[in-house]
Amino acid sequence: METDTHGLVDAENGLISRRIFIEPDIYQQELERIFARCWLFLCHESQVPQHGDFFTTYMGEDPVLVVRDTAGQVHAFLNVCRHRGNRLCRADAGNAATFTCAYHGWTYRNDGRLVGVPYLKEAYHNELDRERWGLAPVAQLDNYKGLFFATFDPNAPPLREYLGEVAWYLDAFFDRREGGVEVIGGMHKWVMPTRAASCFPRAMATASSAWAPTRSPTLPHRRF
């Protein structure tokens, strides 16, 4: 049974009910109605600059693998092996031509195609159609000013239409000079012990990155 969320937000007085932050039913509705349908930010193109570069992230609670394949095209897949649903890539970022599941050894190229299945002849009698069992891609993937966004909804509006007037603010930061911006630094994680286990997980992680303009052949390199 879905929770009635009407009345939880008082826009006129700027009040939000604390139920929004603590009730599991409301959280599940957010995952289904928001995270499963909206365009979500994945990473910046400078985080996967070279062929084979990859970056792992989440869309809601679903692990996602963003990878620039050997031909230079960027893809976003569920970071899950198609065999038994095991997590495929456990690194935060790196460079790889293939990804091999640690469970039963299924191997995928960085374009998502399944290329290796142990005991293909003995266990599957050569009847497994590997073309059908590549990594599951997101429904839509797009790039705006170097920012990669994805959605699980195949019927979602185009990214630029979805961004609407917010695009002006993105332009003001990411497109204010020739050459764009670049993510510098890596992934920073820490553990915070807490008694509030019902509200916060014991292990908390965040990605902290600094932004700097990319080098331009005609303009000096500056950092902010």
Foldseek 3Di string as FASTA:
>chain_A
DADDCPPQADVVVGHGHCCCQFPPRNLVVCCVPPLQFDKAWDDFCQQAVDAQKWAWDDRSNFIKIWHQHNVGRIFIFGQAFLPPGHRFDDDGIDGDQWTFRPPQTFIAGRVFFTDDGPPCCNPVVVPDDSRVRGTHTALDWDADLRIIITHNDVPHDDPVVSCPPVVVVVCVQQVVDPQGKHWDDWFDFDFADDPPVSRDPRGDGDGDTAMFGDDDPVDHGDGD
